[in-house]
Amino acid sequence: MSENSSVIIGTAPDSWGVWFPDDPKQTPWERFLDEVAEAGYKWIELGPHGYLPTDPARLADELKARDLKVSAGTVFTAYHRGRDQWDAAWQPAREVAELTAAMGGEHIVVIPAMWRDDVTGEAVEPGELTAEQWTSLTAGHNELGRRLREEFGLQQQFHSHADSHVEGQADIERFLQNTDGDLVTLCLDTGHAEYGGASSIGLIEAYPERIGYLHLKQINPDILATVRAENMTWAGANSAGVMTEPPGGLPDLREVIAACERLGRDIFGIVEQDMYPVKSFDVPLPIAQRTRNYLLSCGSRTHV
């Protein structure tokens, strides 16, 4: 084991209240990049495709001017819905992969579709998958992982998600057990895991070789209890403040970071404090600064 293995922290547009390529409620992209650098981060994710400039030369210049690097891009999939979803997902995934690779990133975070409408809460499909749908889901992610690696040299990092079919501990374990460990590793989002009742520490210890990437966030357990009691949507839970600034919530990120440091290899830990929409564009920066300082106190570092 390397004596110097650590969690390399970065941040994402999500921590500035960005969920969409373009929305007047969101922090302008120039301000996001400026404030990321001001907060002391060196690594970012691209966020929703189209939020940051998609021209590689321009984006490279913007990043270089602020001494920033890209760790990953993000794509969305719905492979459980059948083979036709492959073509629907591949075109946007290819665009994200091209930009990520051009920026020197090595990872693609992949988020599965949610089973109910994020705004109305109305179910758009059943909340449980059939055996056939599970097979379609895992086969799709194996194929995506193969294509990302062969064509772009990128590693797929699957992100379990609230209100998706892969949310709880049993769902995550089933997904890991039925996908190729070389082609699909886990973006362990500590907040989404906690939200779904999964144990971040338990997953790290049970599947150490499958932990490829981290999203670091915390849940307010009191608000989560209200979310469950009122059957709130993911968006509604965010508006209610279910995500909380570290170290005020769960899980204990100091313990998560220590467990990841025992893996014996460096791993990205990207801060993703969901806060769409921000009440003011002045809100994210102080939180980002405090969070970075806290994570550094846990043993992580800002750059390779």
C-alpha atoms as a PDB file:
ATOM      1  CA  MET A   1       0.000   0.000   0.000  1.00  0.00           C
ATOM      2  CA  SER A   2       1.185   3.457  -0.829  1.00  0.00           C
ATOM      3  CA  GLU A   3       2.037   5.500   2.225  1.00  0.00           C
ATOM      4  CA  ASN A   4       0.874   8.634   0.431  1.00  0.00           C
ATOM      5  CA  SER A   5      -2.525   7.542  -0.874  1.00  0.00           C
ATOM      6  CA  SER A   6      -5.126  10.209  -0.310  1.00  0.00           C
ATOM      7  CA  VAL A   7      -8.354  11.772  -1.408  1.00  0.00           C
ATOM      8  CA  ILE A   8      -7.729  14.559  -3.929  1.00  0.00           C
ATOM      9  CA  ILE A   9     -10.470  17.091  -3.418  1.00  0.00           C
ATOM     10  CA  GLY A  10     -12.168  19.166  -6.050  1.00  0.00           C
ATOM     11  CA  THR A  11     -15.564  20.684  -6.613  1.00  0.00           C
ATOM     12  CA  ALA A  12     -18.341  20.863  -9.185  1.00  0.00           C
ATOM     13  CA  PRO A  13     -20.878  23.294 -10.609  1.00  0.00           C
ATOM     14  CA  ASP A  14     -23.458  21.544  -8.427  1.00  0.00           C
ATOM     15  CA  SER A  15     -21.878  23.216  -5.384  1.00  0.00           C
ATOM     16  CA  TRP A  16     -22.665  26.573  -6.982  1.00  0.00           C
ATOM     17  CA  GLY A  17     -26.313  25.637  -7.559  1.00  0.00           C
ATOM     18  CA  VAL A  18     -25.952  24.417 -11.148  1.00  0.00           C
ATOM     19  CA  TRP A  19     -28.186  21.619 -12.408  1.00  0.00           C
ATOM     20  CA  PHE A  20     -28.827  22.642 -16.014  1.00  0.00           C
ATOM     21  CA  PRO A  21     -26.830  23.848 -19.037  1.00  0.00           C
ATOM     22  CA  ASP A  22     -28.572  27.216 -18.908  1.00  0.00           C
ATOM     23  CA  ASP A  23     -30.808  28.706 -16.219  1.00  0.00           C
ATOM     24  CA  PRO A  24     -31.021  32.305 -14.936  1.00  0.00           C
ATOM     25  CA  LYS A  25     -31.262  30.959 -11.382  1.00  0.00           C
ATOM     26  CA  GLN A  26     -27.755  29.551 -11.711  1.00  0.00           C
ATOM     27  CA  THR A  27     -24.368  31.121 -11.057  1.00  0.00           C
ATOM     28  CA  PRO A  28     -22.867  32.341 -14.362  1.00  0.00           C
ATOM     29  CA  TRP A  29     -20.094  30.017 -15.502  1.00  0.00           C
ATOM     30  CA  GLU A  30     -17.390  32.696 -15.438  1.00  0.00           C
ATOM     31  CA  ARG A  31     -18.200  33.478 -11.828  1.00  0.00           C
ATOM     32  CA  PHE A  32     -18.214  29.776 -10.985  1.00  0.00           C
ATOM     33  CA  LEU A  33     -14.686  29.299 -12.350  1.00  0.00           C
ATOM     34  CA  ASP A  34     -13.429  32.489 -10.700  1.00  0.00           C
ATOM     35  CA  GLU A  35     -14.812  31.488  -7.311  1.00  0.00           C
ATOM     36  CA  VAL A  36     -13.576  27.884  -7.555  1.00  0.00           C
ATOM     37  CA  ALA A  37     -10.060  29.254  -7.984  1.00  0.00           C
ATOM     38  CA  GLU A  38     -10.573  31.831  -5.229  1.00  0.00           C
ATOM     39  CA  ALA A  39     -11.714  29.069  -2.859  1.00  0.00           C
ATOM     40  CA  GLY A  40      -8.467  27.194  -3.473  1.00  0.00           C
ATOM     41  CA  TYR A  41      -9.654  24.207  -5.480  1.00  0.00           C
ATOM     42  CA  LYS A  42      -7.572  22.857  -8.363  1.00  0.00           C
ATOM     43  CA  TRP A  43      -9.955  20.248  -9.782  1.00  0.00           C
ATOM     44  CA  ILE A  44     -13.477  20.534 -11.167  1.00  0.00           C
ATOM     45  CA  GLU A  45     -16.094  18.491 -12.962  1.00  0.00           C
ATOM     46  CA  LEU A  46     -17.652  19.822 -16.139  1.00  0.00           C
ATOM     47  CA  GLY A  47     -21.191  19.744 -14.795  1.00  0.00           C
ATOM     48  CA  PRO A  48     -24.167  19.665 -17.188  1.00  0.00           C
ATOM     49  CA  HIS A  49     -22.934  19.666 -20.768  1.00  0.00           C
ATOM     50  CA  GLY A  50     -23.187  23.167 -22.160  1.00  0.00           C
ATOM     51  CA  TYR A  51     -22.835  25.019 -18.863  1.00  0.00           C
ATOM     52  CA  LEU A  52     -19.104  25.513 -19.371  1.00  0.00           C
ATOM     53  CA  PRO A  53     -17.802  26.321 -22.864  1.00  0.00           C
ATOM     54  CA  THR A  54     -17.880  23.213 -25.058  1.00  0.00           C
ATOM     55  CA  ASP A  55     -15.178  24.398 -27.450  1.00  0.00           C
ATOM     56  CA  PRO A  56     -12.068  22.581 -26.198  1.00  0.00           C
ATOM     57  CA  ALA A  57      -9.636  25.377 -27.037  1.00  0.00           C
ATOM     58  CA  ARG A  58     -11.698  28.026 -25.293  1.00  0.00           C
ATOM     59  CA  LEU A  59     -12.361  25.894 -22.224  1.00  0.00           C
ATOM     60  CA  ALA A  60      -8.675  24.958 -21.974  1.00  0.00           C
ATOM     61  CA  ASP A  61      -7.778  28.651 -22.003  1.00  0.00           C
ATOM     62  CA  GLU A  62     -10.362  29.475 -19.334  1.00  0.00           C
ATOM     63  CA  LEU A  63      -9.095  26.667 -17.098  1.00  0.00           C
ATOM     64  CA  LYS A  64      -5.428  27.516 -17.620  1.00  0.00           C
ATOM     65  CA  ALA A  65      -6.060  31.142 -16.701  1.00  0.00           C
ATOM     66  CA  ARG A  66      -7.346  29.973 -13.321  1.00  0.00           C
ATOM     67  CA  ASP A  67      -4.948  27.036 -12.800  1.00  0.00           C
ATOM     68  CA  LEU A  68      -7.796  24.512 -12.872  1.00  0.00           C
ATOM     69  CA  LYS A  69      -8.022  20.935 -14.174  1.00  0.00           C
ATOM     70  CA  VAL A  70     -10.903  18.616 -15.063  1.00  0.00           C
ATOM     71  CA  SER A  71     -11.429  15.332 -13.240  1.00  0.00           C
ATOM     72  CA  ALA A  72     -14.639  14.150 -14.939  1.00  0.00           C
ATOM     73  CA  GLY A  73     -17.671  14.800 -17.089  1.00  0.00           C
ATOM     74  CA  THR A  74     -21.215  13.638 -16.350  1.00  0.00           C
ATOM     75  CA  VAL A  75     -23.762  11.751 -18.455  1.00  0.00           C
ATOM     76  CA  PHE A  76     -27.262  10.379 -17.879  1.00  0.00           C
ATOM     77  CA  THR A  77     -28.637   6.987 -18.909  1.00  0.00           C
ATOM     78  CA  ALA A  78     -31.797   4.861 -18.734  1.00  0.00           C
ATOM     79  CA  TYR A  79     -30.591   1.450 -19.868  1.00  0.00           C
ATOM     80  CA  HIS A  80     -33.227  -0.417 -17.880  1.00  0.00           C
ATOM     81  CA  ARG A  81     -35.779   0.822 -20.419  1.00  0.00           C
ATOM     82  CA  GLY A  82     -34.384  -1.321 -23.210  1.00  0.00           C
ATOM     83  CA  ARG A  83     -31.863  -1.554 -26.017  1.00  0.00           C
ATOM     84  CA  ASP A  84     -33.141   1.540 -27.789  1.00  0.00           C
ATOM     85  CA  GLN A  85     -31.839   3.582 -24.875  1.00  0.00           C
ATOM     86  CA  TRP A  86     -28.295   2.839 -26.000  1.00  0.00           C
ATOM     87  CA  ASP A  87     -28.503   5.122 -29.011  1.00  0.00           C
ATOM     88  CA  ALA A  88     -30.384   7.753 -27.009  1.00  0.00           C
ATOM     89  CA  ALA A  89     -27.608   7.875 -24.420  1.00  0.00           C
ATOM     90  CA  TRP A  90     -24.543   7.428 -26.596  1.00  0.00           C
ATOM     91  CA  GLN A  91     -24.688  10.639 -28.623  1.00  0.00           C
ATOM     92  CA  PRO A  92     -24.669  12.983 -25.590  1.00  0.00           C
ATOM     93  CA  ALA A  93     -22.258  10.661 -23.793  1.00  0.00           C
ATOM     94  CA  ARG A  94     -19.860  10.807 -26.732  1.00  0.00           C
ATOM     95  CA  GLU A  95     -19.913  14.613 -26.716  1.00  0.00           C
ATOM     96  CA  VAL A  96     -19.183  14.727 -22.994  1.00  0.00           C
ATOM     97  CA  ALA A  97     -16.481  12.098 -23.340  1.00  0.00           C
ATOM     98  CA  GLU A  98     -14.757  13.999 -26.151  1.00  0.00           C
ATOM     99  CA  LEU A  99     -14.629  17.188 -24.112  1.00  0.00           C
ATOM    100  CA  THR A 100     -13.573  15.406 -20.926  1.00  0.00           C
ATOM    101  CA  ALA A 101     -10.730  13.608 -22.690  1.00  0.00           C
ATOM    102  CA  ALA A 102      -9.653  16.806 -24.449  1.00  0.00           C
ATOM    103  CA  MET A 103      -9.364  18.500 -21.045  1.00  0.00           C
ATOM    104  CA  GLY A 104      -7.266  15.650 -19.666  1.00  0.00           C
ATOM    105  CA  GLY A 105     -10.012  14.186 -17.514  1.00  0.00           C
ATOM    106  CA  GLU A 106      -9.993  10.447 -16.908  1.00  0.00           C
ATOM    107  CA  HIS A 107     -13.498   9.738 -15.591  1.00  0.00           C
ATOM    108  CA  ILE A 108     -17.134   9.875 -16.649  1.00  0.00           C
ATOM    109  CA  VAL A 109     -19.728   9.988 -13.874  1.00  0.00           C
ATOM    110  CA  VAL A 110     -22.875   8.179 -15.023  1.00  0.00           C
ATOM    111  CA  ILE A 111     -26.237   8.900 -13.395  1.00  0.00           C
ATOM    112  CA  PRO A 112     -29.265   6.617 -13.953  1.00  0.00           C
ATOM    113  CA  ALA A 113     -32.745   7.945 -14.709  1.00  0.00           C
ATOM    114  CA  MET A 114     -35.134   8.620 -11.849  1.00  0.00           C
ATOM    115  CA  TRP A 115     -38.405   6.709 -11.659  1.00  0.00           C
ATOM    116  CA  ARG A 116     -40.554   9.689 -10.715  1.00  0.00           C
ATOM    117  CA  ASP A 117     -40.810  13.239 -11.947  1.00  0.00           C
ATOM    118  CA  ASP A 118     -38.302  15.433 -10.159  1.00  0.00           C
ATOM    119  CA  VAL A 119     -40.757  18.331  -9.875  1.00  0.00           C
ATOM    120  CA  THR A 120     -44.240  16.903  -9.515  1.00  0.00           C
ATOM    121  CA  GLY A 121     -43.270  13.687  -7.751  1.00  0.00           C
ATOM    122  CA  GLU A 122     -45.539  11.748 -10.111  1.00  0.00           C
ATOM    123  CA  ALA A 123     -44.314   8.244 -10.849  1.00  0.00           C
ATOM    124  CA  VAL A 124     -43.275   7.947 -14.497  1.00  0.00           C
ATOM    125  CA  GLU A 125     -42.608   4.221 -14.137  1.00  0.00           C
ATOM    126  CA  PRO A 126     -42.581   1.574 -11.370  1.00  0.00           C
ATOM    127  CA  GLY A 127     -40.064   2.093  -8.590  1.00  0.00           C
ATOM    128  CA  GLU A 128     -38.831  -1.499  -8.800  1.00  0.00           C
ATOM    129  CA  LEU A 129     -37.155  -3.186 -11.766  1.00  0.00           C
ATOM    130  CA  THR A 130     -38.025  -6.586 -13.185  1.00  0.00           C
ATOM    131  CA  ALA A 131     -35.292  -9.191 -13.630  1.00  0.00           C
ATOM    132  CA  GLU A 132     -35.265  -8.407 -17.348  1.00  0.00           C
ATOM    133  CA  GLN A 133     -34.846  -4.700 -16.652  1.00  0.00           C
ATOM    134  CA  TRP A 134     -31.962  -5.388 -14.278  1.00  0.00           C
ATOM    135  CA  THR A 135     -30.252  -7.382 -17.023  1.00  0.00           C
ATOM    136  CA  SER A 136     -30.784  -4.555 -19.495  1.00  0.00           C
ATOM    137  CA  LEU A 137     -29.454  -2.038 -16.970  1.00  0.00           C
ATOM    138  CA  THR A 138     -26.246  -3.862 -16.168  1.00  0.00           C
ATOM    139  CA  ALA A 139     -25.567  -4.913 -19.775  1.00  0.00           C
ATOM    140  CA  GLY A 140     -25.951  -1.317 -20.897  1.00  0.00           C
ATOM    141  CA  HIS A 141     -23.455  -0.058 -18.363  1.00  0.00           C
ATOM    142  CA  ASN A 142     -20.957  -2.768 -19.257  1.00  0.00           C
ATOM    143  CA  GLU A 143     -21.197  -1.730 -22.911  1.00  0.00           C
ATOM    144  CA  LEU A 144     -20.919   1.963 -22.033  1.00  0.00           C
ATOM    145  CA  GLY A 145     -17.843   1.298 -19.932  1.00  0.00           C
ATOM    146  CA  ARG A 146     -16.232  -0.625 -22.779  1.00  0.00           C
ATOM    147  CA  ARG A 147     -16.919   2.111 -25.326  1.00  0.00           C
ATOM    148  CA  LEU A 148     -15.697   4.896 -23.038  1.00  0.00           C
ATOM    149  CA  ARG A 149     -12.471   3.028 -22.408  1.00  0.00           C
ATOM    150  CA  GLU A 150     -11.795   1.876 -25.974  1.00  0.00           C
ATOM    151  CA  GLU A 151     -12.681   5.142 -27.708  1.00  0.00           C
ATOM    152  CA  PHE A 152     -11.644   7.760 -25.149  1.00  0.00           C
ATOM    153  CA  GLY A 153      -9.527   6.082 -22.476  1.00  0.00           C
ATOM    154  CA  LEU A 154     -12.068   7.052 -19.811  1.00  0.00           C
ATOM    155  CA  GLN A 155     -13.336   5.118 -16.805  1.00  0.00           C
ATOM    156  CA  GLN A 156     -17.056   4.883 -16.108  1.00  0.00           C
ATOM    157  CA  GLN A 157     -17.996   5.813 -12.527  1.00  0.00           C
ATOM    158  CA  PHE A 158     -21.573   4.760 -11.803  1.00  0.00           C
ATOM    159  CA  HIS A 159     -23.433   7.140  -9.485  1.00  0.00           C
ATOM    160  CA  SER A 160     -26.304   5.686  -7.461  1.00  0.00           C
ATOM    161  CA  HIS A 161     -28.992   8.338  -7.111  1.00  0.00           C
ATOM    162  CA  ALA A 162     -32.014   9.325  -5.059  1.00  0.00           C
ATOM    163  CA  ASP A 163     -35.333   8.403  -6.679  1.00  0.00           C
ATOM    164  CA  SER A 164     -33.572   6.082  -9.111  1.00  0.00           C
ATOM    165  CA  HIS A 165     -33.718   2.290  -9.216  1.00  0.00           C
ATOM    166  CA  VAL A 166     -30.207   2.053  -7.776  1.00  0.00           C
ATOM    167  CA  GLU A 167     -30.516   3.939  -4.508  1.00  0.00           C
ATOM    168  CA  GLY A 168     -30.331   1.662  -1.450  1.00  0.00           C
ATOM    169  CA  GLN A 169     -27.643  -0.692  -0.185  1.00  0.00           C
ATOM    170  CA  ALA A 170     -29.155  -3.824  -1.732  1.00  0.00           C
ATOM    171  CA  ASP A 171     -29.634  -2.068  -5.093  1.00  0.00           C
ATOM    172  CA  ILE A 172     -26.037  -0.831  -5.189  1.00  0.00           C
ATOM    173  CA  GLU A 173     -24.664  -4.247  -4.243  1.00  0.00           C
ATOM    174  CA  ARG A 174     -26.782  -5.995  -6.843  1.00  0.00           C
ATOM    175  CA  PHE A 175     -25.565  -3.559  -9.481  1.00  0.00           C
ATOM    176  CA  LEU A 176     -21.923  -4.098  -8.528  1.00  0.00           C
ATOM    177  CA  GLN A 177     -22.277  -7.855  -8.432  1.00  0.00           C
ATOM    178  CA  ASN A 178     -23.763  -7.942 -11.947  1.00  0.00           C
ATOM    179  CA  THR A 179     -21.422  -5.552 -13.759  1.00  0.00           C
ATOM    180  CA  ASP A 180     -17.838  -5.952 -14.950  1.00  0.00           C
ATOM    181  CA  GLY A 181     -15.483  -4.563 -12.320  1.00  0.00           C
ATOM    182  CA  ASP A 182     -13.025  -3.395 -14.956  1.00  0.00           C
ATOM    183  CA  LEU A 183     -15.611  -1.488 -16.955  1.00  0.00           C
ATOM    184  CA  VAL A 184     -17.820  -0.121 -14.188  1.00  0.00           C
ATOM    185  CA  THR A 185     -16.579   1.289 -10.925  1.00  0.00           C
ATOM    186  CA  LEU A 186     -18.552   3.274  -8.398  1.00  0.00           C
ATOM    187  CA  CYS A 187     -18.786   7.000  -7.949  1.00  0.00           C
ATOM    188  CA  LEU A 188     -19.628   6.710  -4.275  1.00  0.00           C
ATOM    189  CA  ASP A 189     -21.775   9.725  -3.524  1.00  0.00           C
ATOM    190  CA  THR A 190     -21.833   9.833   0.249  1.00  0.00           C
ATOM    191  CA  GLY A 191     -24.936  12.020   0.364  1.00  0.00           C
ATOM    192  CA  HIS A 192     -27.006   9.945  -2.044  1.00  0.00           C
ATOM    193  CA  ALA A 193     -25.892   6.768  -0.287  1.00  0.00           C
ATOM    194  CA  GLU A 194     -27.005   8.170   3.078  1.00  0.00           C
ATOM    195  CA  TYR A 195     -30.244   9.417   1.514  1.00  0.00           C
ATOM    196  CA  GLY A 196     -30.979   5.908   0.258  1.00  0.00           C
ATOM    197  CA  GLY A 197     -30.055   4.198   3.527  1.00  0.00           C
ATOM    198  CA  ALA A 198     -26.755   2.797   2.222  1.00  0.00           C
ATOM    199  CA  SER A 199     -23.519   2.780   4.216  1.00  0.00           C
ATOM    200  CA  SER A 200     -20.575   4.509   2.556  1.00  0.00           C
ATOM    201  CA  ILE A 201     -18.126   2.831   4.926  1.00  0.00           C
ATOM    202  CA  GLY A 202     -19.807  -0.521   4.381  1.00  0.00           C
ATOM    203  CA  LEU A 203     -19.504  -0.197   0.607  1.00  0.00           C
ATOM    204  CA  ILE A 204     -15.857   0.870   0.789  1.00  0.00           C
ATOM    205  CA  GLU A 205     -14.999  -2.087   3.027  1.00  0.00           C
ATOM    206  CA  ALA A 206     -17.060  -4.672   1.133  1.00  0.00           C
ATOM    207  CA  TYR A 207     -16.116  -3.555  -2.389  1.00  0.00           C
ATOM    208  CA  PRO A 208     -12.746  -1.800  -2.087  1.00  0.00           C
ATOM    209  CA  GLU A 209     -11.749  -2.559  -5.681  1.00  0.00           C
ATOM    210  CA  ARG A 210     -15.002  -1.048  -7.015  1.00  0.00           C
ATOM    211  CA  ILE A 211     -14.616   2.371  -5.361  1.00  0.00           C
ATOM    212  CA  GLY A 212     -13.286   4.507  -8.206  1.00  0.00           C
ATOM    213  CA  TYR A 213     -14.405   8.024  -7.391  1.00  0.00           C
ATOM    214  CA  LEU A 214     -16.147  10.024  -4.664  1.00  0.00           C
ATOM    215  CA  HIS A 215     -18.762  12.724  -4.423  1.00  0.00           C
ATOM    216  CA  LEU A 216     -18.504  14.199  -0.949  1.00  0.00           C
ATOM    217  CA  LYS A 217     -21.653  15.550   0.647  1.00  0.00           C
ATOM    218  CA  GLN A 218     -23.700  15.173   3.806  1.00  0.00           C
ATOM    219  CA  ILE A 219     -27.364  14.743   4.711  1.00  0.00           C
ATOM    220  CA  ASN A 220     -29.244  16.463   7.525  1.00  0.00           C
ATOM    221  CA  PRO A 221     -30.826  13.447   9.279  1.00  0.00           C
ATOM    222  CA  ASP A 222     -33.703  15.439  10.790  1.00  0.00           C
ATOM    223  CA  ILE A 223     -34.746  16.838   7.426  1.00  0.00           C
ATOM    224  CA  LEU A 224     -34.307  13.401   5.841  1.00  0.00           C
ATOM    225  CA  ALA A 225     -36.823  12.031   8.360  1.00  0.00           C
ATOM    226  CA  THR A 226     -39.308  14.669   7.183  1.00  0.00           C
ATOM    227  CA  VAL A 227     -38.553  13.837   3.548  1.00  0.00           C
ATOM    228  CA  ARG A 228     -39.375  10.198   4.191  1.00  0.00           C
ATOM    229  CA  ALA A 229     -42.492  10.960   6.233  1.00  0.00           C
ATOM    230  CA  GLU A 230     -43.864  13.263   3.519  1.00  0.00           C
ATOM    231  CA  ASN A 231     -42.611  11.218   0.543  1.00  0.00           C
ATOM    232  CA  MET A 232     -40.876  14.272  -0.898  1.00  0.00           C
ATOM    233  CA  THR A 233     -39.162  14.266  -4.285  1.00  0.00           C
ATOM    234  CA  TRP A 234     -35.411  14.692  -4.621  1.00  0.00           C
ATOM    235  CA  ALA A 235     -35.893  18.285  -5.756  1.00  0.00           C
ATOM    236  CA  GLY A 236     -38.274  18.951  -2.890  1.00  0.00           C
ATOM    237  CA  ALA A 237     -35.835  17.464  -0.424  1.00  0.00           C
ATOM    238  CA  ASN A 238     -33.099  19.751  -1.708  1.00  0.00           C
ATOM    239  CA  SER A 239     -35.317  22.792  -1.371  1.00  0.00           C
ATOM    240  CA  ALA A 240     -36.063  21.704   2.192  1.00  0.00           C
ATOM    241  CA  GLY A 241     -32.329  21.645   2.937  1.00  0.00           C
ATOM    242  CA  VAL A 242     -31.683  17.902   3.127  1.00  0.00           C
ATOM    243  CA  MET A 243     -28.103  18.558   2.001  1.00  0.00           C
ATOM    244  CA  THR A 244     -26.095  20.244   4.701  1.00  0.00           C
ATOM    245  CA  GLU A 245     -22.691  21.834   4.924  1.00  0.00           C
ATOM    246  CA  PRO A 246     -19.983  19.538   6.351  1.00  0.00           C
ATOM    247  CA  PRO A 247     -19.285  18.600   9.056  1.00  0.00           C
ATOM    248  CA  GLY A 248     -22.850  19.126  10.274  1.00  0.00           C
ATOM    249  CA  GLY A 249     -24.491  16.000   8.840  1.00  0.00           C
ATOM    250  CA  LEU A 250     -24.077  12.338   7.928  1.00  0.00           C
ATOM    251  CA  PRO A 251     -22.080  10.338   7.037  1.00  0.00           C
ATOM    252  CA  ASP A 252     -18.911  11.289   8.891  1.00  0.00           C
ATOM    253  CA  LEU A 253     -16.643  12.391   6.046  1.00  0.00           C
ATOM    254  CA  ARG A 254     -13.555  12.056   8.219  1.00  0.00           C
ATOM    255  CA  GLU A 255     -14.299   8.341   8.483  1.00  0.00           C
ATOM    256  CA  VAL A 256     -15.038   8.061   4.754  1.00  0.00           C
ATOM    257  CA  ILE A 257     -11.759   9.741   3.841  1.00  0.00           C
ATOM    258  CA  ALA A 258      -9.806   7.557   6.272  1.00  0.00           C
ATOM    259  CA  ALA A 259     -11.384   4.422   4.771  1.00  0.00           C
ATOM    260  CA  CYS A 260     -10.502   5.569   1.256  1.00  0.00           C
ATOM    261  CA  GLU A 261      -6.939   6.376   2.251  1.00  0.00           C
ATOM    262  CA  ARG A 262      -6.610   2.726   3.317  1.00  0.00           C
ATOM    263  CA  LEU A 263      -7.365   1.656  -0.263  1.00  0.00           C
ATOM    264  CA  GLY A 264      -3.749   2.364  -1.130  1.00  0.00           C
ATOM    265  CA  ARG A 265      -4.385   4.547  -4.180  1.00  0.00           C
ATOM    266  CA  ASP A 266      -5.307   8.131  -4.842  1.00  0.00           C
ATOM    267  CA  ILE A 267      -8.962   8.837  -5.467  1.00  0.00           C
ATOM    268  CA  PHE A 268     -10.834  11.992  -6.391  1.00  0.00           C
ATOM    269  CA  GLY A 269     -13.238  13.368  -3.809  1.00  0.00           C
ATOM    270  CA  ILE A 270     -15.404  15.973  -5.508  1.00  0.00           C
ATOM    271  CA  VAL A 271     -17.496  18.243  -3.301  1.00  0.00           C
ATOM    272  CA  GLU A 272     -21.088  18.229  -4.524  1.00  0.00           C
ATOM    273  CA  GLN A 273     -23.338  20.127  -2.171  1.00  0.00           C
ATOM    274  CA  ASP A 274     -26.630  20.236  -4.048  1.00  0.00           C
ATOM    275  CA  MET A 275     -28.115  23.692  -3.629  1.00  0.00           C
ATOM    276  CA  TYR A 276     -30.226  24.418  -6.701  1.00  0.00           C
ATOM    277  CA  PRO A 277     -31.530  27.054  -6.774  1.00  0.00           C
ATOM    278  CA  VAL A 278     -29.227  29.256  -4.711  1.00  0.00           C
ATOM    279  CA  LYS A 279     -30.991  32.035  -2.827  1.00  0.00           C
ATOM    280  CA  SER A 280     -28.190  34.385  -3.853  1.00  0.00           C
ATOM    281  CA  PHE A 281     -25.081  34.074  -5.999  1.00  0.00           C
ATOM    282  CA  ASP A 282     -23.121  35.143  -2.912  1.00  0.00           C
ATOM    283  CA  VAL A 283     -24.064  31.955  -1.029  1.00  0.00           C
ATOM    284  CA  PRO A 284     -21.789  29.239  -2.569  1.00  0.00           C
ATOM    285  CA  LEU A 285     -18.277  30.703  -2.201  1.00  0.00           C
ATOM    286  CA  PRO A 286     -18.057  30.892   1.619  1.00  0.00           C
ATOM    287  CA  ILE A 287     -19.490  27.373   1.911  1.00  0.00           C
ATOM    288  CA  ALA A 288     -16.993  26.094  -0.664  1.00  0.00           C
ATOM    289  CA  GLN A 289     -14.104  27.678   1.239  1.00  0.00           C
ATOM    290  CA  ARG A 290     -15.183  26.262   4.597  1.00  0.00           C
ATOM    291  CA  THR A 291     -15.800  22.822   3.102  1.00  0.00           C
ATOM    292  CA  ARG A 292     -12.376  22.731   1.476  1.00  0.00           C
ATOM    293  CA  ASN A 293     -10.703  23.698   4.744  1.00  0.00           C
ATOM    294  CA  TYR A 294     -12.632  21.026   6.612  1.00  0.00           C
ATOM    295  CA  LEU A 295     -11.754  18.300   4.105  1.00  0.00           C
ATOM    296  CA  LEU A 296      -8.091  19.249   4.206  1.00  0.00           C
ATOM    297  CA  SER A 297      -8.230  18.782   7.970  1.00  0.00           C
ATOM    298  CA  CYS A 298      -9.461  15.226   7.321  1.00  0.00           C
ATOM    299  CA  GLY A 299      -6.268  14.271   5.488  1.00  0.00           C
ATOM    300  CA  SER A 300      -7.228  14.958   1.890  1.00  0.00           C
ATOM    301  CA  ARG A 301      -5.312  17.215  -0.456  1.00  0.00           C
ATOM    302  CA  THR A 302      -6.173  19.596  -3.259  1.00  0.00           C
ATOM    303  CA  HIS A 303      -3.910  18.360  -6.056  1.00  0.00           C
ATOM    304  CA  VAL A 304      -1.715  15.482  -7.173  1.00  0.00           C
END
